[in-house]
């Protein structure tokens, strides 16, 4: 049985989630541009393997609230996960994150490692090896041009969200994105305030204090999955990632996949995730 609920973030933002299954808790967070239904294909098999699966909609994304505080800092994302864990009375969990959800996972591992059993990230390398120079800006210029508030919101929405379709084509060039997936993503962004929330993630800048707290090596074991169609500058970062993550971490490159490996190669991702969980989930 699937249960839907909400918890309240530290700034008063209502955060929506759905959960199903029983067993070891696994928290899943999506990225951009996407919804928390991105995990639907993995949910059943994970539940069948004995997982209590909990997917949260990130702040600003349907059906969570748009934060009145306007806070889209990565540190706040980590705090949102802590609030969810507290609301569900979960001391420790595994987390799976894609894109912004992966960033949230790395932040949580740095801020509150005692709340994580292990971490699975998709498409984003750890903060301490993440590229920041010109090659990264040229490879992923959206990190710059989506950071201009109302202008970026107009750009994202123009032509009935043609920019969203273009980003899927660019980031996953060998994946024929299913029509129903694209329609769900765009329908969610059409709702009042939602596209603006999505681009405002890119306005947030990490403060020096936040950087001190979360940009560092982490001790949590991490399964890092990425596709061969990711930019070379990011793939090079993964080559250094094992040195800044916990013992037992793994790095998996999926040939022929782009930015959404869990959707492009779900069977391979599921096998890697289940193997990783089996090696890091101790006896109950």
C-alpha atoms as a PDB file:
ATOM      1  CA  UNK A   1       0.000   0.000   0.000  1.00  0.00           C
ATOM      2  CA  UNK A   2       1.255   3.473  -0.881  1.00  0.00           C
ATOM      3  CA  UNK A   3       0.869   6.267   1.643  1.00  0.00           C
ATOM      4  CA  UNK A   4       1.199   9.975   0.887  1.00  0.00           C
ATOM      5  CA  UNK A   5       2.014  12.589   3.476  1.00  0.00           C
ATOM      6  CA  UNK A   6       3.765  15.845   4.249  1.00  0.00           C
ATOM      7  CA  UNK A   7       6.372  17.086   6.683  1.00  0.00           C
ATOM      8  CA  UNK A   8       7.400  20.635   7.523  1.00  0.00           C
ATOM      9  CA  UNK A   9      10.854  21.986   6.757  1.00  0.00           C
ATOM     10  CA  UNK A  10      12.720  24.225   9.168  1.00  0.00           C
ATOM     11  CA  UNK A  11      11.555  27.338   7.327  1.00  0.00           C
ATOM     12  CA  UNK A  12       7.912  26.231   7.375  1.00  0.00           C
ATOM     13  CA  UNK A  13       7.809  24.775   3.866  1.00  0.00           C
ATOM     14  CA  UNK A  14       5.438  21.831   3.457  1.00  0.00           C
ATOM     15  CA  UNK A  15       7.284  18.918   1.826  1.00  0.00           C
ATOM     16  CA  UNK A  16       5.303  16.115   0.186  1.00  0.00           C
ATOM     17  CA  UNK A  17       6.326  12.483   0.000  1.00  0.00           C
ATOM     18  CA  UNK A  18       4.951   9.069  -0.811  1.00  0.00           C
ATOM     19  CA  UNK A  19       6.051   5.827   0.767  1.00  0.00           C
ATOM     20  CA  UNK A  20       5.441   2.169   0.137  1.00  0.00           C
ATOM     21  CA  UNK A  21       6.836  -1.122   1.374  1.00  0.00           C
ATOM     22  CA  UNK A  22       8.347  -2.263   4.640  1.00  0.00           C
ATOM     23  CA  UNK A  23      11.907  -2.860   5.700  1.00  0.00           C
ATOM     24  CA  UNK A  24      15.069  -0.790   5.508  1.00  0.00           C
ATOM     25  CA  UNK A  25      14.160   2.852   4.743  1.00  0.00           C
ATOM     26  CA  UNK A  26      15.380   4.359   1.489  1.00  0.00           C
ATOM     27  CA  UNK A  27      14.761   8.073   0.809  1.00  0.00           C
ATOM     28  CA  UNK A  28      14.765   9.189  -2.842  1.00  0.00           C
ATOM     29  CA  UNK A  29      15.065  12.732  -4.203  1.00  0.00           C
ATOM     30  CA  UNK A  30      14.707  13.776  -7.841  1.00  0.00           C
ATOM     31  CA  UNK A  31      16.445  16.464  -9.869  1.00  0.00           C
ATOM     32  CA  UNK A  32      15.768  19.015 -12.638  1.00  0.00           C
ATOM     33  CA  UNK A  33      13.743  18.963 -14.773  1.00  0.00           C
ATOM     34  CA  UNK A  34      11.785  16.097 -13.270  1.00  0.00           C
ATOM     35  CA  UNK A  35       9.238  15.045 -10.635  1.00  0.00           C
ATOM     36  CA  UNK A  36       9.231  12.660  -7.709  1.00  0.00           C
ATOM     37  CA  UNK A  37       7.507  10.133  -9.981  1.00  0.00           C
ATOM     38  CA  UNK A  38      10.882   9.609 -11.671  1.00  0.00           C
ATOM     39  CA  UNK A  39      11.402   6.659  -9.292  1.00  0.00           C
ATOM     40  CA  UNK A  40       8.228   4.763 -10.253  1.00  0.00           C
ATOM     41  CA  UNK A  41      10.106   2.206 -12.336  1.00  0.00           C
ATOM     42  CA  UNK A  42      12.487   1.318  -9.488  1.00  0.00           C
ATOM     43  CA  UNK A  43       9.980   1.452  -6.651  1.00  0.00           C
ATOM     44  CA  UNK A  44       8.356  -1.966  -7.118  1.00  0.00           C
ATOM     45  CA  UNK A  45      11.572  -3.965  -7.442  1.00  0.00           C
ATOM     46  CA  UNK A  46      13.138  -2.184  -4.459  1.00  0.00           C
ATOM     47  CA  UNK A  47      10.063  -2.809  -2.323  1.00  0.00           C
ATOM     48  CA  UNK A  48      10.142  -6.437  -3.452  1.00  0.00           C
ATOM     49  CA  UNK A  49      13.717  -6.613  -2.188  1.00  0.00           C
ATOM     50  CA  UNK A  50      12.630  -5.564   1.290  1.00  0.00           C
ATOM     51  CA  UNK A  51      12.871  -1.789   1.148  1.00  0.00           C
ATOM     52  CA  UNK A  52      10.609   0.843   2.674  1.00  0.00           C
ATOM     53  CA  UNK A  53      10.744   3.295  -0.211  1.00  0.00           C
ATOM     54  CA  UNK A  54      10.071   6.985   0.443  1.00  0.00           C
ATOM     55  CA  UNK A  55      10.203   9.543  -2.388  1.00  0.00           C
ATOM     56  CA  UNK A  56      10.073  13.228  -1.492  1.00  0.00           C
ATOM     57  CA  UNK A  57       9.225  16.079  -3.860  1.00  0.00           C
ATOM     58  CA  UNK A  58      11.930  18.683  -3.493  1.00  0.00           C
ATOM     59  CA  UNK A  59      10.916  22.129  -2.277  1.00  0.00           C
ATOM     60  CA  UNK A  60       9.217  24.126  -5.001  1.00  0.00           C
ATOM     61  CA  UNK A  61       8.288  21.019  -6.994  1.00  0.00           C
ATOM     62  CA  UNK A  62       4.752  19.599  -7.063  1.00  0.00           C
ATOM     63  CA  UNK A  63       3.236  18.608  -4.703  1.00  0.00           C
ATOM     64  CA  UNK A  64       5.603  20.188  -2.146  1.00  0.00           C
ATOM     65  CA  UNK A  65       5.151  23.895  -1.435  1.00  0.00           C
ATOM     66  CA  UNK A  66       7.047  26.747  -3.022  1.00  0.00           C
ATOM     67  CA  UNK A  67       9.045  28.066  -0.050  1.00  0.00           C
ATOM     68  CA  UNK A  68       8.029  31.512   1.113  1.00  0.00           C
ATOM     69  CA  UNK A  69      11.599  31.993   2.290  1.00  0.00           C
ATOM     70  CA  UNK A  70      12.901  31.565  -1.248  1.00  0.00           C
ATOM     71  CA  UNK A  71      15.655  29.362   0.206  1.00  0.00           C
ATOM     72  CA  UNK A  72      16.966  26.887  -2.348  1.00  0.00           C
ATOM     73  CA  UNK A  73      20.373  26.386  -0.791  1.00  0.00           C
ATOM     74  CA  UNK A  74      21.887  22.923  -0.834  1.00  0.00           C
ATOM     75  CA  UNK A  75      22.230  23.141   2.940  1.00  0.00           C
ATOM     76  CA  UNK A  76      18.464  23.622   3.170  1.00  0.00           C
ATOM     77  CA  UNK A  77      17.947  20.530   1.009  1.00  0.00           C
ATOM     78  CA  UNK A  78      19.920  18.511   3.550  1.00  0.00           C
ATOM     79  CA  UNK A  79      17.840  19.984   6.360  1.00  0.00           C
ATOM     80  CA  UNK A  80      14.672  19.007   4.479  1.00  0.00           C
ATOM     81  CA  UNK A  81      15.812  15.377   4.495  1.00  0.00           C
ATOM     82  CA  UNK A  82      16.546  15.564   8.215  1.00  0.00           C
ATOM     83  CA  UNK A  83      13.046  16.953   8.808  1.00  0.00           C
ATOM     84  CA  UNK A  84      11.561  14.065   6.818  1.00  0.00           C
ATOM     85  CA  UNK A  85      13.571  11.505   8.764  1.00  0.00           C
ATOM     86  CA  UNK A  86      12.520  13.084  12.051  1.00  0.00           C
ATOM     87  CA  UNK A  87       8.855  13.227  11.027  1.00  0.00           C
ATOM     88  CA  UNK A  88       8.910   9.531  10.119  1.00  0.00           C
ATOM     89  CA  UNK A  89      10.944   8.661  13.233  1.00  0.00           C
ATOM     90  CA  UNK A  90      13.764   7.193  11.154  1.00  0.00           C
ATOM     91  CA  UNK A  91      17.192   7.373  12.766  1.00  0.00           C
ATOM     92  CA  UNK A  92      19.241   6.184   9.777  1.00  0.00           C
ATOM     93  CA  UNK A  93      18.372   5.611   6.139  1.00  0.00           C
ATOM     94  CA  UNK A  94      19.873   5.002   2.757  1.00  0.00           C
ATOM     95  CA  UNK A  95      19.382   7.814   0.286  1.00  0.00           C
ATOM     96  CA  UNK A  96      19.136   7.795  -3.507  1.00  0.00           C
ATOM     97  CA  UNK A  97      19.447  11.122  -5.298  1.00  0.00           C
ATOM     98  CA  UNK A  98      19.530  12.269  -8.901  1.00  0.00           C
ATOM     99  CA  UNK A  99      20.876  15.651 -10.035  1.00  0.00           C
ATOM    100  CA  UNK A 100      19.803  18.161  -7.325  1.00  0.00           C
ATOM    101  CA  UNK A 101      18.760  15.181  -5.237  1.00  0.00           C
ATOM    102  CA  UNK A 102      22.318  13.867  -5.477  1.00  0.00           C
ATOM    103  CA  UNK A 103      23.624  17.231  -4.290  1.00  0.00           C
ATOM    104  CA  UNK A 104      21.223  17.030  -1.355  1.00  0.00           C
ATOM    105  CA  UNK A 105      22.631  13.608  -0.512  1.00  0.00           C
ATOM    106  CA  UNK A 106      26.241  14.779  -0.530  1.00  0.00           C
ATOM    107  CA  UNK A 107      25.266  17.716   1.687  1.00  0.00           C
ATOM    108  CA  UNK A 108      23.526  15.413   4.155  1.00  0.00           C
ATOM    109  CA  UNK A 109      26.528  13.085   4.245  1.00  0.00           C
ATOM    110  CA  UNK A 110      28.732  16.044   5.195  1.00  0.00           C
ATOM    111  CA  UNK A 111      26.288  17.694   7.604  1.00  0.00           C
ATOM    112  CA  UNK A 112      24.778  14.703   9.427  1.00  0.00           C
ATOM    113  CA  UNK A 113      26.570  11.467   8.452  1.00  0.00           C
ATOM    114  CA  UNK A 114      25.017   9.685  11.425  1.00  0.00           C
ATOM    115  CA  UNK A 115      21.652   9.823   9.624  1.00  0.00           C
ATOM    116  CA  UNK A 116      22.924   7.932   6.566  1.00  0.00           C
ATOM    117  CA  UNK A 117      23.624   4.239   6.210  1.00  0.00           C
ATOM    118  CA  UNK A 118      24.851   4.684   2.665  1.00  0.00           C
ATOM    119  CA  UNK A 119      24.211   6.923  -0.343  1.00  0.00           C
ATOM    120  CA  UNK A 120      23.436   6.363  -4.023  1.00  0.00           C
ATOM    121  CA  UNK A 121      23.930   9.294  -6.403  1.00  0.00           C
ATOM    122  CA  UNK A 122      23.122   9.603 -10.078  1.00  0.00           C
ATOM    123  CA  UNK A 123      24.788  11.955 -12.563  1.00  0.00           C
ATOM    124  CA  UNK A 124      26.486  14.319 -10.083  1.00  0.00           C
ATOM    125  CA  UNK A 125      30.007  13.818  -8.649  1.00  0.00           C
ATOM    126  CA  UNK A 126      30.880  14.832  -5.058  1.00  0.00           C
ATOM    127  CA  UNK A 127      31.215  18.524  -4.226  1.00  0.00           C
ATOM    128  CA  UNK A 128      34.901  18.367  -3.388  1.00  0.00           C
ATOM    129  CA  UNK A 129      35.816  17.134  -6.892  1.00  0.00           C
ATOM    130  CA  UNK A 130      33.005  18.821  -8.827  1.00  0.00           C
ATOM    131  CA  UNK A 131      34.335  20.880 -11.755  1.00  0.00           C
ATOM    132  CA  UNK A 132      33.874  24.643 -11.507  1.00  0.00           C
ATOM    133  CA  UNK A 133      35.966  26.070 -14.332  1.00  0.00           C
ATOM    134  CA  UNK A 134      35.329  27.177 -17.900  1.00  0.00           C
ATOM    135  CA  UNK A 135      34.993  23.638 -19.287  1.00  0.00           C
ATOM    136  CA  UNK A 136      32.110  22.939 -16.883  1.00  0.00           C
ATOM    137  CA  UNK A 137      30.405  26.233 -17.782  1.00  0.00           C
ATOM    138  CA  UNK A 138      30.681  25.444 -21.483  1.00  0.00           C
ATOM    139  CA  UNK A 139      29.457  21.882 -21.007  1.00  0.00           C
ATOM    140  CA  UNK A 140      26.509  22.811 -18.795  1.00  0.00           C
ATOM    141  CA  UNK A 141      25.737  26.514 -19.434  1.00  0.00           C
ATOM    142  CA  UNK A 142      22.252  26.183 -17.920  1.00  0.00           C
ATOM    143  CA  UNK A 143      23.887  26.587 -14.508  1.00  0.00           C
ATOM    144  CA  UNK A 144      24.526  30.173 -15.592  1.00  0.00           C
ATOM    145  CA  UNK A 145      21.598  31.203 -17.800  1.00  0.00           C
ATOM    146  CA  UNK A 146      18.906  29.736 -15.551  1.00  0.00           C
ATOM    147  CA  UNK A 147      20.062  31.939 -12.693  1.00  0.00           C
ATOM    148  CA  UNK A 148      18.320  35.176 -13.728  1.00  0.00           C
ATOM    149  CA  UNK A 149      14.950  34.807 -12.018  1.00  0.00           C
ATOM    150  CA  UNK A 150      12.038  36.109 -14.144  1.00  0.00           C
ATOM    151  CA  UNK A 151      14.116  36.215 -17.341  1.00  0.00           C
ATOM    152  CA  UNK A 152      15.168  32.589 -16.888  1.00  0.00           C
ATOM    153  CA  UNK A 153      11.601  31.634 -16.076  1.00  0.00           C
ATOM    154  CA  UNK A 154      10.437  33.180 -19.347  1.00  0.00           C
ATOM    155  CA  UNK A 155      13.168  31.299 -21.201  1.00  0.00           C
ATOM    156  CA  UNK A 156      12.194  27.981 -19.628  1.00  0.00           C
ATOM    157  CA  UNK A 157       8.485  28.466 -20.409  1.00  0.00           C
ATOM    158  CA  UNK A 158       8.758  29.847 -23.953  1.00  0.00           C
ATOM    159  CA  UNK A 159       7.370  27.666 -26.728  1.00  0.00           C
ATOM    160  CA  UNK A 160       5.471  25.534 -24.212  1.00  0.00           C
ATOM    161  CA  UNK A 161       8.682  24.547 -22.401  1.00  0.00           C
ATOM    162  CA  UNK A 162      10.728  23.795 -25.500  1.00  0.00           C
ATOM    163  CA  UNK A 163      13.833  24.408 -23.379  1.00  0.00           C
ATOM    164  CA  UNK A 164      12.948  21.440 -21.177  1.00  0.00           C
ATOM    165  CA  UNK A 165      12.608  19.212 -24.235  1.00  0.00           C
ATOM    166  CA  UNK A 166      15.911  20.531 -25.585  1.00  0.00           C
ATOM    167  CA  UNK A 167      17.711  19.809 -22.315  1.00  0.00           C
ATOM    168  CA  UNK A 168      16.520  16.208 -22.351  1.00  0.00           C
ATOM    169  CA  UNK A 169      17.754  15.825 -25.929  1.00  0.00           C
ATOM    170  CA  UNK A 170      21.109  17.415 -25.124  1.00  0.00           C
ATOM    171  CA  UNK A 171      21.775  15.690 -21.816  1.00  0.00           C
ATOM    172  CA  UNK A 172      20.597  12.240 -22.930  1.00  0.00           C
ATOM    173  CA  UNK A 173      21.170  12.258 -26.700  1.00  0.00           C
ATOM    174  CA  UNK A 174      20.659   8.506 -27.184  1.00  0.00           C
ATOM    175  CA  UNK A 175      17.473   8.251 -25.123  1.00  0.00           C
ATOM    176  CA  UNK A 176      14.080   8.543 -26.777  1.00  0.00           C
ATOM    177  CA  UNK A 177      12.328  10.206 -23.840  1.00  0.00           C
ATOM    178  CA  UNK A 178       8.871   8.636 -23.348  1.00  0.00           C
ATOM    179  CA  UNK A 179       6.065  11.025 -24.206  1.00  0.00           C
ATOM    180  CA  UNK A 180       4.227  10.398 -20.939  1.00  0.00           C
ATOM    181  CA  UNK A 181       7.320  11.206 -18.898  1.00  0.00           C
ATOM    182  CA  UNK A 182       7.859  14.500 -20.699  1.00  0.00           C
ATOM    183  CA  UNK A 183       4.193  15.411 -20.364  1.00  0.00           C
ATOM    184  CA  UNK A 184       4.269  14.796 -16.598  1.00  0.00           C
ATOM    185  CA  UNK A 185       7.386  16.923 -16.163  1.00  0.00           C
ATOM    186  CA  UNK A 186       6.009  19.829 -18.191  1.00  0.00           C
ATOM    187  CA  UNK A 187       2.532  19.603 -16.647  1.00  0.00           C
ATOM    188  CA  UNK A 188       4.098  19.952 -13.194  1.00  0.00           C
ATOM    189  CA  UNK A 189       6.154  22.964 -14.295  1.00  0.00           C
ATOM    190  CA  UNK A 190       3.087  24.668 -15.798  1.00  0.00           C
ATOM    191  CA  UNK A 191       1.492  25.025 -12.364  1.00  0.00           C
ATOM    192  CA  UNK A 192       1.594  28.479 -10.764  1.00  0.00           C
ATOM    193  CA  UNK A 193       5.013  29.347  -9.401  1.00  0.00           C
ATOM    194  CA  UNK A 194       6.586  26.006 -10.242  1.00  0.00           C
ATOM    195  CA  UNK A 195       8.790  26.876 -13.200  1.00  0.00           C
ATOM    196  CA  UNK A 196      10.048  29.932 -11.329  1.00  0.00           C
ATOM    197  CA  UNK A 197      10.892  27.733  -8.342  1.00  0.00           C
ATOM    198  CA  UNK A 198      12.813  25.348 -10.598  1.00  0.00           C
ATOM    199  CA  UNK A 199      15.001  28.095 -12.085  1.00  0.00           C
ATOM    200  CA  UNK A 200      15.505  29.790  -8.722  1.00  0.00           C
ATOM    201  CA  UNK A 201      17.560  26.784  -7.657  1.00  0.00           C
ATOM    202  CA  UNK A 202      20.178  28.198 -10.011  1.00  0.00           C
ATOM    203  CA  UNK A 203      20.127  31.632  -8.352  1.00  0.00           C
ATOM    204  CA  UNK A 204      21.178  30.191  -5.012  1.00  0.00           C
ATOM    205  CA  UNK A 205      24.855  30.640  -4.314  1.00  0.00           C
ATOM    206  CA  UNK A 206      26.703  28.648  -1.707  1.00  0.00           C
ATOM    207  CA  UNK A 207      27.821  30.894   1.135  1.00  0.00           C
ATOM    208  CA  UNK A 208      31.303  30.594   2.597  1.00  0.00           C
ATOM    209  CA  UNK A 209      29.796  29.095   5.742  1.00  0.00           C
ATOM    210  CA  UNK A 210      27.749  26.555   3.787  1.00  0.00           C
ATOM    211  CA  UNK A 211      30.832  25.681   1.770  1.00  0.00           C
ATOM    212  CA  UNK A 212      32.789  25.085   4.975  1.00  0.00           C
ATOM    213  CA  UNK A 213      30.087  22.734   6.216  1.00  0.00           C
ATOM    214  CA  UNK A 214      29.459  20.622   3.128  1.00  0.00           C
ATOM    215  CA  UNK A 215      32.300  20.882   0.588  1.00  0.00           C
ATOM    216  CA  UNK A 216      34.633  18.291   2.052  1.00  0.00           C
ATOM    217  CA  UNK A 217      35.442  14.617   1.962  1.00  0.00           C
ATOM    218  CA  UNK A 218      32.706  12.416   3.367  1.00  0.00           C
ATOM    219  CA  UNK A 219      32.912   9.118   5.223  1.00  0.00           C
ATOM    220  CA  UNK A 220      29.608   7.711   3.960  1.00  0.00           C
ATOM    221  CA  UNK A 221      29.970   4.893   1.403  1.00  0.00           C
ATOM    222  CA  UNK A 222      28.577   6.108  -1.921  1.00  0.00           C
ATOM    223  CA  UNK A 223      27.480   4.325  -5.081  1.00  0.00           C
ATOM    224  CA  UNK A 224      28.043   6.871  -7.853  1.00  0.00           C
ATOM    225  CA  UNK A 225      26.345   6.069 -11.163  1.00  0.00           C
ATOM    226  CA  UNK A 226      26.788   8.130 -14.300  1.00  0.00           C
ATOM    227  CA  UNK A 227      26.326   7.753 -18.045  1.00  0.00           C
ATOM    228  CA  UNK A 228      28.959   7.784 -20.742  1.00  0.00           C
ATOM    229  CA  UNK A 229      27.176  10.712 -22.419  1.00  0.00           C
ATOM    230  CA  UNK A 230      27.895  13.029 -19.487  1.00  0.00           C
ATOM    231  CA  UNK A 231      30.424  15.780 -20.321  1.00  0.00           C
ATOM    232  CA  UNK A 232      34.048  14.665 -20.193  1.00  0.00           C
ATOM    233  CA  UNK A 233      34.847  17.281 -17.564  1.00  0.00           C
ATOM    234  CA  UNK A 234      32.391  15.616 -15.182  1.00  0.00           C
ATOM    235  CA  UNK A 235      33.576  12.125 -16.058  1.00  0.00           C
ATOM    236  CA  UNK A 236      37.090  13.219 -15.138  1.00  0.00           C
ATOM    237  CA  UNK A 237      35.775  14.291 -11.737  1.00  0.00           C
ATOM    238  CA  UNK A 238      34.462  10.796 -11.091  1.00  0.00           C
ATOM    239  CA  UNK A 239      38.001   9.477 -11.527  1.00  0.00           C
ATOM    240  CA  UNK A 240      38.895  11.331  -8.308  1.00  0.00           C
ATOM    241  CA  UNK A 241      35.670  10.632  -6.441  1.00  0.00           C
ATOM    242  CA  UNK A 242      36.763   7.456  -4.657  1.00  0.00           C
ATOM    243  CA  UNK A 243      39.343   9.508  -2.746  1.00  0.00           C
ATOM    244  CA  UNK A 244      36.711  11.797  -1.173  1.00  0.00           C
ATOM    245  CA  UNK A 245      34.007   9.262  -0.232  1.00  0.00           C
ATOM    246  CA  UNK A 246      33.778   6.528   2.384  1.00  0.00           C
ATOM    247  CA  UNK A 247      35.237   3.045   2.377  1.00  0.00           C
ATOM    248  CA  UNK A 248      33.314   0.676   0.143  1.00  0.00           C
ATOM    249  CA  UNK A 249      32.273   3.370  -2.323  1.00  0.00           C
ATOM    250  CA  UNK A 250      31.774   2.355  -5.937  1.00  0.00           C
ATOM    251  CA  UNK A 251      31.769   4.222  -9.233  1.00  0.00           C
ATOM    252  CA  UNK A 252      29.704   2.841 -12.108  1.00  0.00           C
ATOM    253  CA  UNK A 253      29.801   4.181 -15.669  1.00  0.00           C
ATOM    254  CA  UNK A 254      26.903   3.075 -17.869  1.00  0.00           C
ATOM    255  CA  UNK A 255      27.740   3.046 -21.564  1.00  0.00           C
ATOM    256  CA  UNK A 256      25.128   4.625 -23.798  1.00  0.00           C
ATOM    257  CA  UNK A 257      23.351   6.461 -20.987  1.00  0.00           C
ATOM    258  CA  UNK A 258      23.111  10.184 -20.385  1.00  0.00           C
ATOM    259  CA  UNK A 259      21.875  12.284 -17.493  1.00  0.00           C
ATOM    260  CA  UNK A 260      18.970  10.017 -16.427  1.00  0.00           C
ATOM    261  CA  UNK A 261      20.633   6.594 -16.024  1.00  0.00           C
ATOM    262  CA  UNK A 262      17.835   5.293 -13.772  1.00  0.00           C
ATOM    263  CA  UNK A 263      15.373   5.907 -16.616  1.00  0.00           C
ATOM    264  CA  UNK A 264      17.652   5.071 -19.537  1.00  0.00           C
ATOM    265  CA  UNK A 265      19.133   1.878 -18.075  1.00  0.00           C
ATOM    266  CA  UNK A 266      16.773   0.927 -15.230  1.00  0.00           C
ATOM    267  CA  UNK A 267      17.698  -2.766 -15.058  1.00  0.00           C
ATOM    268  CA  UNK A 268      21.417  -2.017 -14.799  1.00  0.00           C
ATOM    269  CA  UNK A 269      20.826   0.706 -12.203  1.00  0.00           C
ATOM    270  CA  UNK A 270      18.563  -1.553 -10.163  1.00  0.00           C
ATOM    271  CA  UNK A 271      21.133  -4.356 -10.166  1.00  0.00           C
ATOM    272  CA  UNK A 272      23.900  -1.985  -9.057  1.00  0.00           C
ATOM    273  CA  UNK A 273      21.731  -0.448  -6.344  1.00  0.00           C
ATOM    274  CA  UNK A 274      20.586  -3.797  -4.940  1.00  0.00           C
ATOM    275  CA  UNK A 275      24.152  -5.112  -4.893  1.00  0.00           C
ATOM    276  CA  UNK A 276      25.351  -1.991  -3.107  1.00  0.00           C
ATOM    277  CA  UNK A 277      22.544  -2.063  -0.552  1.00  0.00           C
ATOM    278  CA  UNK A 278      23.212  -5.733   0.171  1.00  0.00           C
ATOM    279  CA  UNK A 279      26.840  -4.970   0.963  1.00  0.00           C
ATOM    280  CA  UNK A 280      26.037  -2.024   3.251  1.00  0.00           C
ATOM    281  CA  UNK A 281      22.804  -3.024   4.979  1.00  0.00           C
ATOM    282  CA  UNK A 282      23.704  -4.964   8.080  1.00  0.00           C
ATOM    283  CA  UNK A 283      21.365  -7.377   9.858  1.00  0.00           C
ATOM    284  CA  UNK A 284      18.179  -5.935  11.384  1.00  0.00           C
END
